[in-house]
């Protein structure tokens, strides 16, 4: 909403979920071609808990199941804007995770 109604100026996000897809490349051990990996990323908050970031990598068939998601990081709700963590925090978390998992 623009402009934001006065009633919402002090509002706090109590439940939020954002589903994202990250792009990365990995070396295929058979022929060293670049094969895409598309991890699924979820950023969510369940009040009063902190913001949490979950990532799941697809299996060999390219499928991601709900049980594959693992919590990668979290950030205190007090340290971010009302609408959640910024993209640079999410990007840094995903890059760190992918560097650890893929390489």
PDB file of N, CA and C in Angstrom:
ATOM      1  N   UNK A   1       0.832  -1.179   0.000  1.00  0.00           N
ATOM      2  CA  UNK A   1       0.000   0.000   0.000  1.00  0.00           C
ATOM      3  C   UNK A   1       0.873   1.238   0.000  1.00  0.00           C
ATOM      4  N   UNK A   2       0.508   2.179  -0.793  1.00  0.00           N
ATOM      5  CA  UNK A   2       1.280   3.411  -0.842  1.00  0.00           C
ATOM      6  C   UNK A   2       0.319   4.577  -0.971  1.00  0.00           C
ATOM      7  N   UNK A   3       0.198   5.436  -0.036  1.00  0.00           N
ATOM      8  CA  UNK A   3       0.926   5.451   1.226  1.00  0.00           C
ATOM      9  C   UNK A   3       0.352   4.433   2.207  1.00  0.00           C
ATOM     10  N   UNK A   4       1.178   4.055   3.174  1.00  0.00           N
ATOM     11  CA  UNK A   4       0.788   3.089   4.190  1.00  0.00           C
ATOM     12  C   UNK A   4      -0.191   3.739   5.159  1.00  0.00           C
ATOM     13  N   UNK A   5      -1.328   3.114   5.445  1.00  0.00           N
ATOM     14  CA  UNK A   5      -2.284   3.676   6.409  1.00  0.00           C
ATOM     15  C   UNK A   5      -1.654   3.835   7.789  1.00  0.00           C
ATOM     16  N   UNK A   6      -2.062   4.866   8.504  1.00  0.00           N
ATOM     17  CA  UNK A   6      -1.515   5.134   9.842  1.00  0.00           C
ATOM     18  C   UNK A   6      -1.633   3.929  10.763  1.00  0.00           C
ATOM     19  N   UNK A   7      -2.694   3.169  10.636  1.00  0.00           N
ATOM     20  CA  UNK A   7      -2.910   2.017  11.506  1.00  0.00           C
ATOM     21  C   UNK A   7      -1.826   0.959  11.346  1.00  0.00           C
ATOM     22  N   UNK A   8      -1.153   0.962  10.208  1.00  0.00           N
ATOM     23  CA  UNK A   8      -0.140  -0.060   9.945  1.00  0.00           C
ATOM     24  C   UNK A   8       1.282   0.417  10.205  1.00  0.00           C
ATOM     25  N   UNK A   9       1.457   1.665  10.590  1.00  0.00           N
ATOM     26  CA  UNK A   9       2.808   2.195  10.810  1.00  0.00           C
ATOM     27  C   UNK A   9       3.575   1.407  11.864  1.00  0.00           C
ATOM     28  N   UNK A  10       2.900   0.966  12.916  1.00  0.00           N
ATOM     29  CA  UNK A  10       3.563   0.210  13.979  1.00  0.00           C
ATOM     30  C   UNK A  10       3.309  -1.287  13.886  1.00  0.00           C
ATOM     31  N   UNK A  11       2.738  -1.732  12.779  1.00  0.00           N
ATOM     32  CA  UNK A  11       2.436  -3.152  12.614  1.00  0.00           C
ATOM     33  C   UNK A  11       3.724  -3.951  12.459  1.00  0.00           C
ATOM     34  N   UNK A  12       3.689  -5.183  12.913  1.00  0.00           N
ATOM     35  CA  UNK A  12       4.836  -6.076  12.815  1.00  0.00           C
ATOM     36  C   UNK A  12       4.416  -7.331  12.064  1.00  0.00           C
ATOM     37  N   UNK A  13       5.273  -7.805  11.189  1.00  0.00           N
ATOM     38  CA  UNK A  13       4.987  -9.027  10.446  1.00  0.00           C
ATOM     39  C   UNK A  13       5.002 -10.199  11.414  1.00  0.00           C
ATOM     40  N   UNK A  14       3.903 -10.934  11.471  1.00  0.00           N
ATOM     41  CA  UNK A  14       3.828 -12.060  12.394  1.00  0.00           C
ATOM     42  C   UNK A  14       3.963 -13.402  11.676  1.00  0.00           C
ATOM     43  N   UNK A  15       3.631 -13.443  10.404  1.00  0.00           N
ATOM     44  CA  UNK A  15       3.826 -14.666   9.639  1.00  0.00           C
ATOM     45  C   UNK A  15       4.126 -14.274   8.204  1.00  0.00           C
ATOM     46  N   UNK A  16       5.203 -14.775   7.697  1.00  0.00           N
ATOM     47  CA  UNK A  16       5.594 -14.463   6.337  1.00  0.00           C
ATOM     48  C   UNK A  16       6.369 -15.629   5.771  1.00  0.00           C
ATOM     49  N   UNK A  17       6.179 -15.871   4.482  1.00  0.00           N
ATOM     50  CA  UNK A  17       6.951 -16.905   3.809  1.00  0.00           C
ATOM     51  C   UNK A  17       7.232 -16.442   2.391  1.00  0.00           C
ATOM     52  N   UNK A  18       8.473 -16.592   1.974  1.00  0.00           N
ATOM     53  CA  UNK A  18       8.885 -16.249   0.614  1.00  0.00           C
ATOM     54  C   UNK A  18       9.589 -17.460   0.027  1.00  0.00           C
ATOM     55  N   UNK A  19       9.128 -17.901  -1.098  1.00  0.00           N
ATOM     56  CA  UNK A  19       9.753 -19.032  -1.780  1.00  0.00           C
ATOM     57  C   UNK A  19      10.593 -18.498  -2.931  1.00  0.00           C
ATOM     58  N   UNK A  20      11.836 -18.932  -3.009  1.00  0.00           N
ATOM     59  CA  UNK A  20      12.771 -18.444  -4.014  1.00  0.00           C
ATOM     60  C   UNK A  20      13.484 -19.611  -4.672  1.00  0.00           C
ATOM     61  N   UNK A  21      14.042 -19.373  -5.842  1.00  0.00           N
ATOM     62  CA  UNK A  21      14.876 -20.367  -6.512  1.00  0.00           C
ATOM     63  C   UNK A  21      16.212 -19.706  -6.792  1.00  0.00           C
ATOM     64  N   UNK A  22      17.294 -20.329  -6.365  1.00  0.00           N
ATOM     65  CA  UNK A  22      18.637 -19.813  -6.614  1.00  0.00           C
ATOM     66  C   UNK A  22      19.230 -20.539  -7.812  1.00  0.00           C
ATOM     67  N   UNK A  23      20.142 -19.914  -8.484  1.00  0.00           N
ATOM     68  CA  UNK A  23      20.822 -20.529  -9.623  1.00  0.00           C
ATOM     69  C   UNK A  23      22.289 -20.716  -9.274  1.00  0.00           C
ATOM     70  N   UNK A  24      22.812 -21.874  -9.593  1.00  0.00           N
ATOM     71  CA  UNK A  24      24.228 -22.160  -9.374  1.00  0.00           C
ATOM     72  C   UNK A  24      24.686 -23.143 -10.429  1.00  0.00           C
ATOM     73  N   UNK A  25      25.972 -23.339 -10.525  1.00  0.00           N
ATOM     74  CA  UNK A  25      26.536 -24.307 -11.467  1.00  0.00           C
ATOM     75  C   UNK A  25      27.445 -25.258 -10.728  1.00  0.00           C
ATOM     76  N   UNK A  26      27.485 -26.513 -11.185  1.00  0.00           N
ATOM     77  CA  UNK A  26      28.416 -27.497 -10.606  1.00  0.00           C
ATOM     78  C   UNK A  26      29.072 -28.278 -11.731  1.00  0.00           C
ATOM     79  N   UNK A  27      30.192 -28.834 -11.451  1.00  0.00           N
ATOM     80  CA  UNK A  27      30.885 -29.656 -12.429  1.00  0.00           C
ATOM     81  C   UNK A  27      30.344 -31.073 -12.363  1.00  0.00           C
ATOM     82  N   UNK A  28      30.009 -31.622 -13.495  1.00  0.00           N
ATOM     83  CA  UNK A  28      29.556 -32.999 -13.586  1.00  0.00           C
ATOM     84  C   UNK A  28      30.803 -33.879 -13.601  1.00  0.00           C
ATOM     85  N   UNK A  29      30.901 -34.818 -12.683  1.00  0.00           N
ATOM     86  CA  UNK A  29      32.119 -35.626 -12.552  1.00  0.00           C
ATOM     87  C   UNK A  29      32.383 -36.485 -13.780  1.00  0.00           C
ATOM     88  N   UNK A  30      31.341 -36.831 -14.544  1.00  0.00           N
ATOM     89  CA  UNK A  30      31.534 -37.690 -15.711  1.00  0.00           C
ATOM     90  C   UNK A  30      32.204 -36.968 -16.866  1.00  0.00           C
ATOM     91  N   UNK A  31      31.706 -35.786 -17.198  1.00  0.00           N
ATOM     92  CA  UNK A  31      32.244 -35.116 -18.380  1.00  0.00           C
ATOM     93  C   UNK A  31      32.634 -33.663 -18.121  1.00  0.00           C
ATOM     94  N   UNK A  32      32.644 -33.253 -16.863  1.00  0.00           N
ATOM     95  CA  UNK A  32      33.060 -31.922 -16.446  1.00  0.00           C
ATOM     96  C   UNK A  32      32.265 -30.799 -17.114  1.00  0.00           C
ATOM     97  N   UNK A  33      31.097 -31.108 -17.656  1.00  0.00           N
ATOM     98  CA  UNK A  33      30.230 -30.057 -18.170  1.00  0.00           C
ATOM     99  C   UNK A  33      29.578 -29.358 -16.994  1.00  0.00           C
ATOM    100  N   UNK A  34      29.135 -28.154 -17.238  1.00  0.00           N
ATOM    101  CA  UNK A  34      28.440 -27.423 -16.186  1.00  0.00           C
ATOM    102  C   UNK A  34      26.968 -27.845 -16.186  1.00  0.00           C
ATOM    103  N   UNK A  35      26.510 -28.322 -15.046  1.00  0.00           N
ATOM    104  CA  UNK A  35      25.114 -28.741 -14.893  1.00  0.00           C
ATOM    105  C   UNK A  35      24.439 -27.809 -13.890  1.00  0.00           C
ATOM    106  N   UNK A  36      23.269 -27.304 -14.209  1.00  0.00           N
ATOM    107  CA  UNK A  36      22.626 -26.373 -13.287  1.00  0.00           C
ATOM    108  C   UNK A  36      22.087 -27.058 -12.033  1.00  0.00           C
ATOM    109  N   UNK A  37      22.237 -26.373 -10.917  1.00  0.00           N
ATOM    110  CA  UNK A  37      21.627 -26.791  -9.662  1.00  0.00           C
ATOM    111  C   UNK A  37      20.679 -25.670  -9.290  1.00  0.00           C
ATOM    112  N   UNK A  38      19.456 -25.998  -8.986  1.00  0.00           N
ATOM    113  CA  UNK A  38      18.489 -24.974  -8.609  1.00  0.00           C
ATOM    114  C   UNK A  38      17.952 -25.266  -7.220  1.00  0.00           C
ATOM    115  N   UNK A  39      18.676 -24.796  -6.193  1.00  0.00           N
ATOM    116  CA  UNK A  39      18.180 -25.016  -4.830  1.00  0.00           C
ATOM    117  C   UNK A  39      16.924 -24.201  -4.581  1.00  0.00           C
ATOM    118  N   UNK A  40      16.044 -24.749  -3.800  1.00  0.00           N
ATOM    119  CA  UNK A  40      14.832 -24.042  -3.391  1.00  0.00           C
ATOM    120  C   UNK A  40      15.122 -23.367  -2.058  1.00  0.00           C
ATOM    121  N   UNK A  41      14.741 -22.115  -1.946  1.00  0.00           N
ATOM    122  CA  UNK A  41      15.045 -21.306  -0.770  1.00  0.00           C
ATOM    123  C   UNK A  41      13.748 -20.769  -0.186  1.00  0.00           C
ATOM    124  N   UNK A  42      13.605 -20.886   1.119  1.00  0.00           N
ATOM    125  CA  UNK A  42      12.428 -20.355   1.808  1.00  0.00           C
ATOM    126  C   UNK A  42      12.904 -19.448   2.937  1.00  0.00           C
ATOM    127  N   UNK A  43      12.387 -18.218   2.955  1.00  0.00           N
ATOM    128  CA  UNK A  43      12.638 -17.281   4.048  1.00  0.00           C
ATOM    129  C   UNK A  43      11.318 -17.103   4.758  1.00  0.00           C
ATOM    130  N   UNK A  44      11.300 -17.360   6.068  1.00  0.00           N
ATOM    131  CA  UNK A  44      10.022 -17.285   6.770  1.00  0.00           C
ATOM    132  C   UNK A  44      10.170 -16.805   8.199  1.00  0.00           C
ATOM    133  N   UNK A  45       9.051 -16.328   8.717  1.00  0.00           N
ATOM    134  CA  UNK A  45       8.990 -15.935  10.123  1.00  0.00           C
ATOM    135  C   UNK A  45       7.662 -16.396  10.691  1.00  0.00           C
ATOM    136  N   UNK A  46       7.728 -16.982  11.869  1.00  0.00           N
ATOM    137  CA  UNK A  46       6.534 -17.357  12.634  1.00  0.00           C
ATOM    138  C   UNK A  46       6.636 -16.649  13.977  1.00  0.00           C
ATOM    139  N   UNK A  47       5.852 -15.597  14.128  1.00  0.00           N
ATOM    140  CA  UNK A  47       5.899 -14.770  15.335  1.00  0.00           C
ATOM    141  C   UNK A  47       5.729 -15.626  16.578  1.00  0.00           C
ATOM    142  N   UNK A  48       6.485 -15.415  17.612  1.00  0.00           N
ATOM    143  CA  UNK A  48       7.476 -14.364  17.865  1.00  0.00           C
ATOM    144  C   UNK A  48       8.892 -14.788  17.512  1.00  0.00           C
ATOM    145  N   UNK A  49       9.042 -15.853  16.765  1.00  0.00           N
ATOM    146  CA  UNK A  49      10.380 -16.360  16.443  1.00  0.00           C
ATOM    147  C   UNK A  49      11.094 -15.449  15.451  1.00  0.00           C
ATOM    148  N   UNK A  50      12.375 -15.721  15.244  1.00  0.00           N
ATOM    149  CA  UNK A  50      13.192 -14.942  14.328  1.00  0.00           C
ATOM    150  C   UNK A  50      12.915 -15.344  12.881  1.00  0.00           C
ATOM    151  N   UNK A  51      13.498 -14.583  11.965  1.00  0.00           N
ATOM    152  CA  UNK A  51      13.436 -14.930  10.550  1.00  0.00           C
ATOM    153  C   UNK A  51      14.360 -16.115  10.317  1.00  0.00           C
ATOM    154  N   UNK A  52      13.910 -17.075   9.533  1.00  0.00           N
ATOM    155  CA  UNK A  52      14.682 -18.286   9.268  1.00  0.00           C
ATOM    156  C   UNK A  52      14.825 -18.495   7.771  1.00  0.00           C
ATOM    157  N   UNK A  53      15.966 -19.066   7.366  1.00  0.00           N
ATOM    158  CA  UNK A  53      16.213 -19.352   5.969  1.00  0.00           C
ATOM    159  C   UNK A  53      16.434 -20.854   5.820  1.00  0.00           C
ATOM    160  N   UNK A  54      15.668 -21.470   4.946  1.00  0.00           N
ATOM    161  CA  UNK A  54      15.757 -22.904   4.675  1.00  0.00           C
ATOM    162  C   UNK A  54      16.151 -23.110   3.216  1.00  0.00           C
ATOM    163  N   UNK A  55      16.952 -24.140   2.956  1.00  0.00           N
ATOM    164  CA  UNK A  55      17.355 -24.470   1.594  1.00  0.00           C
ATOM    165  C   UNK A  55      17.238 -25.972   1.392  1.00  0.00           C
ATOM    166  N   UNK A  56      16.802 -26.351   0.191  1.00  0.00           N
ATOM    167  CA  UNK A  56      16.762 -27.762  -0.201  1.00  0.00           C
ATOM    168  C   UNK A  56      17.371 -27.898  -1.588  1.00  0.00           C
ATOM    169  N   UNK A  57      18.219 -28.889  -1.745  1.00  0.00           N
ATOM    170  CA  UNK A  57      18.803 -29.187  -3.046  1.00  0.00           C
ATOM    171  C   UNK A  57      18.002 -30.307  -3.698  1.00  0.00           C
ATOM    172  N   UNK A  58      17.828 -30.248  -5.004  1.00  0.00           N
ATOM    173  CA  UNK A  58      17.106 -31.321  -5.684  1.00  0.00           C
ATOM    174  C   UNK A  58      17.904 -32.623  -5.674  1.00  0.00           C
ATOM    175  N   UNK A  59      17.179 -33.741  -5.688  1.00  0.00           N
ATOM    176  CA  UNK A  59      17.857 -35.033  -5.764  1.00  0.00           C
ATOM    177  C   UNK A  59      18.343 -35.281  -7.193  1.00  0.00           C
ATOM    178  N   UNK A  60      18.840 -36.465  -7.475  1.00  0.00           N
ATOM    179  CA  UNK A  60      19.384 -36.772  -8.807  1.00  0.00           C
ATOM    180  C   UNK A  60      18.342 -36.670  -9.912  1.00  0.00           C
ATOM    181  N   UNK A  61      17.065 -36.801  -9.543  1.00  0.00           N
ATOM    182  CA  UNK A  61      15.987 -36.686 -10.526  1.00  0.00           C
ATOM    183  C   UNK A  61      15.505 -35.243 -10.676  1.00  0.00           C
ATOM    184  N   UNK A  62      16.118 -34.316  -9.927  1.00  0.00           N
ATOM    185  CA  UNK A  62      15.733 -32.912 -10.009  1.00  0.00           C
ATOM    186  C   UNK A  62      14.522 -32.550  -9.170  1.00  0.00           C
ATOM    187  N   UNK A  63      14.144 -33.428  -8.240  1.00  0.00           N
ATOM    188  CA  UNK A  63      12.944 -33.224  -7.425  1.00  0.00           C
ATOM    189  C   UNK A  63      13.345 -32.784  -6.021  1.00  0.00           C
ATOM    190  N   UNK A  64      12.592 -31.833  -5.481  1.00  0.00           N
ATOM    191  CA  UNK A  64      12.793 -31.385  -4.108  1.00  0.00           C
ATOM    192  C   UNK A  64      11.564 -31.776  -3.305  1.00  0.00           C
ATOM    193  N   UNK A  65      11.785 -32.486  -2.221  1.00  0.00           N
ATOM    194  CA  UNK A  65      10.703 -32.895  -1.341  1.00  0.00           C
ATOM    195  C   UNK A  65      10.714 -32.001  -0.101  1.00  0.00           C
ATOM    196  N   UNK A  66       9.576 -31.857   0.544  1.00  0.00           N
ATOM    197  CA  UNK A  66       9.485 -31.008   1.735  1.00  0.00           C
ATOM    198  C   UNK A  66      10.471 -31.422   2.822  1.00  0.00           C
ATOM    199  N   UNK A  67      10.713 -32.706   2.960  1.00  0.00           N
ATOM    200  CA  UNK A  67      11.617 -33.190   4.009  1.00  0.00           C
ATOM    201  C   UNK A  67      13.077 -32.858   3.721  1.00  0.00           C
ATOM    202  N   UNK A  68      13.375 -32.397   2.505  1.00  0.00           N
ATOM    203  CA  UNK A  68      14.742 -32.071   2.126  1.00  0.00           C
ATOM    204  C   UNK A  68      15.198 -30.701   2.620  1.00  0.00           C
ATOM    205  N   UNK A  69      14.279 -29.869   3.070  1.00  0.00           N
ATOM    206  CA  UNK A  69      14.645 -28.526   3.516  1.00  0.00           C
ATOM    207  C   UNK A  69      15.379 -28.583   4.844  1.00  0.00           C
ATOM    208  N   UNK A  70      16.468 -27.840   4.924  1.00  0.00           N
ATOM    209  CA  UNK A  70      17.200 -27.734   6.180  1.00  0.00           C
ATOM    210  C   UNK A  70      17.384 -26.255   6.508  1.00  0.00           C
ATOM    211  N   UNK A  71      17.305 -25.956   7.801  1.00  0.00           N
ATOM    212  CA  UNK A  71      17.503 -24.576   8.218  1.00  0.00           C
ATOM    213  C   UNK A  71      18.976 -24.240   8.092  1.00  0.00           C
ATOM    214  N   UNK A  72      19.243 -23.174   7.368  1.00  0.00           N
ATOM    215  CA  UNK A  72      20.613 -22.775   7.081  1.00  0.00           C
ATOM    216  C   UNK A  72      21.066 -21.646   7.993  1.00  0.00           C
ATOM    217  N   UNK A  73      20.172 -20.708   8.261  1.00  0.00           N
ATOM    218  CA  UNK A  73      20.543 -19.557   9.069  1.00  0.00           C
ATOM    219  C   UNK A  73      19.283 -18.918   9.619  1.00  0.00           C
ATOM    220  N   UNK A  74      19.481 -18.007  10.557  1.00  0.00           N
ATOM    221  CA  UNK A  74      18.374 -17.210  11.083  1.00  0.00           C
ATOM    222  C   UNK A  74      18.922 -15.853  11.467  1.00  0.00           C
ATOM    223  N   UNK A  75      18.030 -14.885  11.562  1.00  0.00           N
ATOM    224  CA  UNK A  75      18.419 -13.538  11.946  1.00  0.00           C
ATOM    225  C   UNK A  75      17.336 -12.982  12.855  1.00  0.00           C
ATOM    226  N   UNK A  76      17.754 -12.306  13.894  1.00  0.00           N
ATOM    227  CA  UNK A  76      16.819 -11.763  14.876  1.00  0.00           C
ATOM    228  C   UNK A  76      15.864 -10.783  14.214  1.00  0.00           C
ATOM    229  N   UNK A  77      14.614 -10.874  14.570  1.00  0.00           N
ATOM    230  CA  UNK A  77      13.612  -9.958  14.035  1.00  0.00           C
ATOM    231  C   UNK A  77      13.918  -8.518  14.414  1.00  0.00           C
ATOM    232  N   UNK A  78      14.660  -8.327  15.509  1.00  0.00           N
ATOM    233  CA  UNK A  78      15.031  -6.980  15.946  1.00  0.00           C
ATOM    234  C   UNK A  78      16.103  -6.357  15.058  1.00  0.00           C
ATOM    235  N   UNK A  79      16.822  -7.178  14.292  1.00  0.00           N
ATOM    236  CA  UNK A  79      17.934  -6.679  13.478  1.00  0.00           C
ATOM    237  C   UNK A  79      17.556  -6.366  12.046  1.00  0.00           C
ATOM    238  N   UNK A  80      16.308  -6.626  11.653  1.00  0.00           N
ATOM    239  CA  UNK A  80      15.904  -6.399  10.266  1.00  0.00           C
ATOM    240  C   UNK A  80      14.682  -5.481  10.214  1.00  0.00           C
ATOM    241  N   UNK A  81      14.374  -5.026   9.010  1.00  0.00           N
ATOM    242  CA  UNK A  81      13.196  -4.178   8.819  1.00  0.00           C
ATOM    243  C   UNK A  81      11.924  -4.965   9.104  1.00  0.00           C
ATOM    244  N   UNK A  82      10.841  -4.273   9.233  1.00  0.00           N
ATOM    245  CA  UNK A  82       9.561  -4.921   9.556  1.00  0.00           C
ATOM    246  C   UNK A  82       9.157  -5.973   8.535  1.00  0.00           C
ATOM    247  N   UNK A  83       9.509  -5.741   7.280  1.00  0.00           N
ATOM    248  CA  UNK A  83       9.100  -6.694   6.241  1.00  0.00           C
ATOM    249  C   UNK A  83      10.103  -7.817   6.020  1.00  0.00           C
ATOM    250  N   UNK A  84      11.138  -7.906   6.872  1.00  0.00           N
ATOM    251  CA  UNK A  84      12.042  -9.045   6.816  1.00  0.00           C
ATOM    252  C   UNK A  84      13.431  -8.722   6.342  1.00  0.00           C
ATOM    253  N   UNK A  85      14.276  -9.750   6.256  1.00  0.00           N
ATOM    254  CA  UNK A  85      15.670  -9.567   5.862  1.00  0.00           C
ATOM    255  C   UNK A  85      15.780  -9.058   4.422  1.00  0.00           C
ATOM    256  N   UNK A  86      16.844  -8.311   4.169  1.00  0.00           N
ATOM    257  CA  UNK A  86      17.032  -7.804   2.809  1.00  0.00           C
ATOM    258  C   UNK A  86      17.657  -8.879   1.921  1.00  0.00           C
ATOM    259  N   UNK A  87      17.655  -8.605   0.625  1.00  0.00           N
ATOM    260  CA  UNK A  87      18.151  -9.586  -0.340  1.00  0.00           C
ATOM    261  C   UNK A  87      19.637  -9.881  -0.182  1.00  0.00           C
ATOM    262  N   UNK A  88      20.405  -8.912   0.291  1.00  0.00           N
ATOM    263  CA  UNK A  88      21.839  -9.166   0.433  1.00  0.00           C
ATOM    264  C   UNK A  88      22.109 -10.209   1.515  1.00  0.00           C
ATOM    265  N   UNK A  89      21.324 -10.212   2.601  1.00  0.00           N
ATOM    266  CA  UNK A  89      21.478 -11.234   3.642  1.00  0.00           C
ATOM    267  C   UNK A  89      21.107 -12.605   3.089  1.00  0.00           C
ATOM    268  N   UNK A  90      19.990 -12.671   2.363  1.00  0.00           N
ATOM    269  CA  UNK A  90      19.545 -13.937   1.777  1.00  0.00           C
ATOM    270  C   UNK A  90      20.598 -14.447   0.798  1.00  0.00           C
ATOM    271  N   UNK A  91      21.081 -13.575  -0.060  1.00  0.00           N
ATOM    272  CA  UNK A  91      22.088 -13.960  -1.054  1.00  0.00           C
ATOM    273  C   UNK A  91      23.355 -14.477  -0.392  1.00  0.00           C
ATOM    274  N   UNK A  92      23.829 -13.784   0.634  1.00  0.00           N
ATOM    275  CA  UNK A  92      25.043 -14.213   1.339  1.00  0.00           C
ATOM    276  C   UNK A  92      24.853 -15.590   1.965  1.00  0.00           C
ATOM    277  N   UNK A  93      23.699 -15.831   2.556  1.00  0.00           N
ATOM    278  CA  UNK A  93      23.419 -17.139   3.164  1.00  0.00           C
ATOM    279  C   UNK A  93      23.397 -18.241   2.117  1.00  0.00           C
ATOM    280  N   UNK A  94      22.750 -17.977   0.991  1.00  0.00           N
ATOM    281  CA  UNK A  94      22.653 -18.987  -0.069  1.00  0.00           C
ATOM    282  C   UNK A  94      24.035 -19.261  -0.657  1.00  0.00           C
ATOM    283  N   UNK A  95      24.824 -18.221  -0.908  1.00  0.00           N
ATOM    284  CA  UNK A  95      26.162 -18.414  -1.463  1.00  0.00           C
ATOM    285  C   UNK A  95      27.039 -19.226  -0.515  1.00  0.00           C
ATOM    286  N   UNK A  96      26.982 -18.916   0.764  1.00  0.00           N
ATOM    287  CA  UNK A  96      27.766 -19.647   1.758  1.00  0.00           C
ATOM    288  C   UNK A  96      27.359 -21.117   1.783  1.00  0.00           C
ATOM    289  N   UNK A  97      26.063 -21.381   1.767  1.00  0.00           N
ATOM    290  CA  UNK A  97      25.553 -22.748   1.785  1.00  0.00           C
ATOM    291  C   UNK A  97      25.984 -23.508   0.528  1.00  0.00           C
ATOM    292  N   UNK A  98      25.829 -22.866  -0.628  1.00  0.00           N
ATOM    293  CA  UNK A  98      26.146 -23.535  -1.888  1.00  0.00           C
ATOM    294  C   UNK A  98      27.651 -23.806  -1.983  1.00  0.00           C
ATOM    295  N   UNK A  99      28.456 -22.905  -1.509  1.00  0.00           N
ATOM    296  CA  UNK A  99      29.905 -23.123  -1.540  1.00  0.00           C
ATOM    297  C   UNK A  99      30.272 -24.330  -0.684  1.00  0.00           C
ATOM    298  N   UNK A 100      29.625 -24.458   0.468  1.00  0.00           N
ATOM    299  CA  UNK A 100      29.878 -25.572   1.370  1.00  0.00           C
ATOM    300  C   UNK A 100      29.348 -26.899   0.809  1.00  0.00           C
ATOM    301  N   UNK A 101      28.145 -26.890   0.246  1.00  0.00           N
ATOM    302  CA  UNK A 101      27.495 -28.124  -0.202  1.00  0.00           C
ATOM    303  C   UNK A 101      27.970 -28.611  -1.564  1.00  0.00           C
ATOM    304  N   UNK A 102      28.192 -27.706  -2.482  1.00  0.00           N
ATOM    305  CA  UNK A 102      28.443 -28.101  -3.874  1.00  0.00           C
ATOM    306  C   UNK A 102      29.913 -28.334  -4.153  1.00  0.00           C
ATOM    307  N   UNK A 103      30.765 -27.541  -3.543  1.00  0.00           N
ATOM    308  CA  UNK A 103      32.190 -27.677  -3.861  1.00  0.00           C
ATOM    309  C   UNK A 103      32.842 -28.805  -3.120  1.00  0.00           C
TER     310      UNK A 103
END
